[in-house]
C-alpha atoms as a PDB file:
ATOM      1  CA  ALA A   1       0.000   0.000   0.000  1.00  0.00           C
ATOM      2  CA  GLY A   2       1.272   3.465  -0.823  1.00  0.00           C
ATOM      3  CA  THR A   3       0.099   6.568   0.977  1.00  0.00           C
ATOM      4  CA  GLY A   4       1.362   9.902   2.270  1.00  0.00           C
ATOM      5  CA  ILE A   5       2.461  10.919   5.768  1.00  0.00           C
ATOM      6  CA  PRO A   6       3.555  14.250   7.278  1.00  0.00           C
ATOM      7  CA  CYS A   7       7.351  14.430   7.400  1.00  0.00           C
ATOM      8  CA  ALA A   8      10.281  16.839   7.681  1.00  0.00           C
ATOM      9  CA  ARG A   9      13.934  16.141   6.904  1.00  0.00           C
ATOM     10  CA  TYR A  10      15.750  19.316   7.922  1.00  0.00           C
ATOM     11  CA  VAL A  11      15.927  21.466  11.067  1.00  0.00           C
ATOM     12  CA  GLY A  12      13.225  24.133  11.051  1.00  0.00           C
ATOM     13  CA  GLN A  13      11.516  22.734   7.950  1.00  0.00           C
ATOM     14  CA  PRO A  14       7.707  22.732   8.131  1.00  0.00           C
ATOM     15  CA  MET A  15       6.091  19.332   7.750  1.00  0.00           C
ATOM     16  CA  THR A  16       5.576  18.272   4.150  1.00  0.00           C
ATOM     17  CA  LEU A  17       4.189  15.086   2.601  1.00  0.00           C
ATOM     18  CA  CYS A  18       6.321  11.980   2.110  1.00  0.00           C
ATOM     19  CA  LYS A  19       5.307   8.798   0.347  1.00  0.00           C
ATOM     20  CA  ALA A  20       5.049   5.825   2.697  1.00  0.00           C
ATOM     21  CA  ARG A  21       4.986   2.133   1.836  1.00  0.00           C
ATOM     22  CA  ILE A  22       3.836  -0.262   4.541  1.00  0.00           C
ATOM     23  CA  GLU A  23       4.916  -3.886   4.811  1.00  0.00           C
ATOM     24  CA  HIS A  24       2.940  -5.788   7.456  1.00  0.00           C
ATOM     25  CA  LYS A  25       4.936  -8.496   9.225  1.00  0.00           C
ATOM     26  CA  GLY A  26       2.369  -9.915  11.623  1.00  0.00           C
ATOM     27  CA  ALA A  27      -0.340  -8.705  13.970  1.00  0.00           C
ATOM     28  CA  ASP A  28       1.640  -5.931  15.646  1.00  0.00           C
ATOM     29  CA  LYS A  29       4.747  -5.632  13.443  1.00  0.00           C
ATOM     30  CA  ALA A  30       5.355  -3.565  10.328  1.00  0.00           C
ATOM     31  CA  ASP A  31       8.047  -1.789   8.338  1.00  0.00           C
ATOM     32  CA  VAL A  32       7.209   1.663   6.980  1.00  0.00           C
ATOM     33  CA  THR A  33       9.480   2.886   4.176  1.00  0.00           C
ATOM     34  CA  VAL A  34       9.267   6.673   3.876  1.00  0.00           C
ATOM     35  CA  THR A  35      10.477   8.303   0.638  1.00  0.00           C
ATOM     36  CA  TRP A  36      11.637  11.926   0.909  1.00  0.00           C
ATOM     37  CA  PRO A  37      10.385  14.393  -1.739  1.00  0.00           C
ATOM     38  CA  ASP A  38      14.027  15.210  -2.610  1.00  0.00           C
ATOM     39  CA  GLY A  39      15.111  11.562  -2.797  1.00  0.00           C
ATOM     40  CA  GLY A  40      16.237   8.863  -0.418  1.00  0.00           C
ATOM     41  CA  THR A  41      14.329   6.798   2.100  1.00  0.00           C
ATOM     42  CA  ARG A  42      14.024   6.126   5.800  1.00  0.00           C
ATOM     43  CA  LEU A  43      12.805   2.791   7.181  1.00  0.00           C
ATOM     44  CA  ILE A  44      10.799   2.922  10.407  1.00  0.00           C
ATOM     45  CA  SER A  45       9.970  -0.341  12.161  1.00  0.00           C
ATOM     46  CA  PHE A  46       6.983  -0.981  14.402  1.00  0.00           C
ATOM     47  CA  TYR A  47       7.106  -3.806  16.944  1.00  0.00           C
ATOM     48  CA  GLY A  48       4.569  -4.657  19.632  1.00  0.00           C
ATOM     49  CA  GLY A  49       2.274  -2.059  18.095  1.00  0.00           C
ATOM     50  CA  LEU A  50       4.718   0.812  18.715  1.00  0.00           C
ATOM     51  CA  PRO A  51       7.501   2.561  16.790  1.00  0.00           C
ATOM     52  CA  ALA A  52      10.631   0.533  17.552  1.00  0.00           C
ATOM     53  CA  GLY A  53      13.499   1.937  15.486  1.00  0.00           C
ATOM     54  CA  SER A  54      14.837   3.042  12.128  1.00  0.00           C
ATOM     55  CA  ASP A  55      17.604   2.244   9.668  1.00  0.00           C
ATOM     56  CA  SER A  56      19.506   5.357  10.811  1.00  0.00           C
ATOM     57  CA  PRO A  57      22.298   5.193  13.418  1.00  0.00           C
ATOM     58  CA  ASP A  58      20.937   8.449  14.884  1.00  0.00           C
ATOM     59  CA  GLU A  59      18.820   8.578  18.036  1.00  0.00           C
ATOM     60  CA  PHE A  60      15.264   7.267  17.619  1.00  0.00           C
ATOM     61  CA  ARG A  61      12.457   8.520  19.824  1.00  0.00           C
ATOM     62  CA  PHE A  62       8.716   9.002  19.681  1.00  0.00           C
ATOM     63  CA  THR A  63       5.766  10.406  21.563  1.00  0.00           C
ATOM     64  CA  ARG A  64       2.131   9.445  21.212  1.00  0.00           C
ATOM     65  CA  GLU A  65      -1.046  11.519  21.117  1.00  0.00           C
ATOM     66  CA  GLY A  66      -3.995   9.151  21.007  1.00  0.00           C
ATOM     67  CA  SER A  67      -3.288   6.832  18.068  1.00  0.00           C
ATOM     68  CA  LEU A  68      -0.776   9.212  16.418  1.00  0.00           C
ATOM     69  CA  ASN A  69       2.937   8.403  16.652  1.00  0.00           C
ATOM     70  CA  MET A  70       5.169  11.474  16.406  1.00  0.00           C
ATOM     71  CA  ILE A  71       8.572  10.046  15.547  1.00  0.00           C
ATOM     72  CA  ARG A  72      11.955  11.789  15.557  1.00  0.00           C
ATOM     73  CA  VAL A  73      15.210  10.470  14.123  1.00  0.00           C
ATOM     74  CA  GLY A  74      18.390  12.396  14.915  1.00  0.00           C
ATOM     75  CA  VAL A  75      18.173  16.176  15.314  1.00  0.00           C
ATOM     76  CA  SER A  76      15.996  16.987  12.334  1.00  0.00           C
ATOM     77  CA  GLU A  77      13.910  14.136  10.914  1.00  0.00           C
ATOM     78  CA  ARG A  78      10.244  14.065  11.954  1.00  0.00           C
ATOM     79  CA  PHE A  79       7.397  11.752  10.977  1.00  0.00           C
ATOM     80  CA  GLU A  80       3.731  11.413  11.923  1.00  0.00           C
ATOM     81  CA  ILE A  81       2.388   7.886  11.483  1.00  0.00           C
ATOM     82  CA  THR A  82      -0.974   6.697  12.786  1.00  0.00           C
ATOM     83  CA  ASP A  83      -1.533   3.246  14.282  1.00  0.00           C
ATOM     84  CA  GLN A  84      -4.154   2.684  11.573  1.00  0.00           C
ATOM     85  CA  LEU A  85      -1.590   3.301   8.834  1.00  0.00           C
ATOM     86  CA  ALA A  86       1.243   1.266  10.343  1.00  0.00           C
ATOM     87  CA  LEU A  87      -0.707  -1.613  11.812  1.00  0.00           C
ATOM     88  CA  GLY A  88      -3.953  -1.564   9.875  1.00  0.00           C
ATOM     89  CA  ASN A  89      -6.136  -1.543  12.965  1.00  0.00           C
END
């Protein structure tokens, strides 16, 4: 499935729209591949129904508001991925 999610790649950049491709790997596991508008990708993994990590060596962290996961990678990358999108529930 291909869809769009809010994302930002650079410090101070307003959120824009990135393409996201979701690969479900079981009931509460998924890989979300995000494609930046200017090229390149970031892989974000969900495990146990929550964001679990990325393919970047930079710090991975997230906060939740309801069913929305606000994910940060390193100092500048930001993503907003809903449970519905990542886990299909």
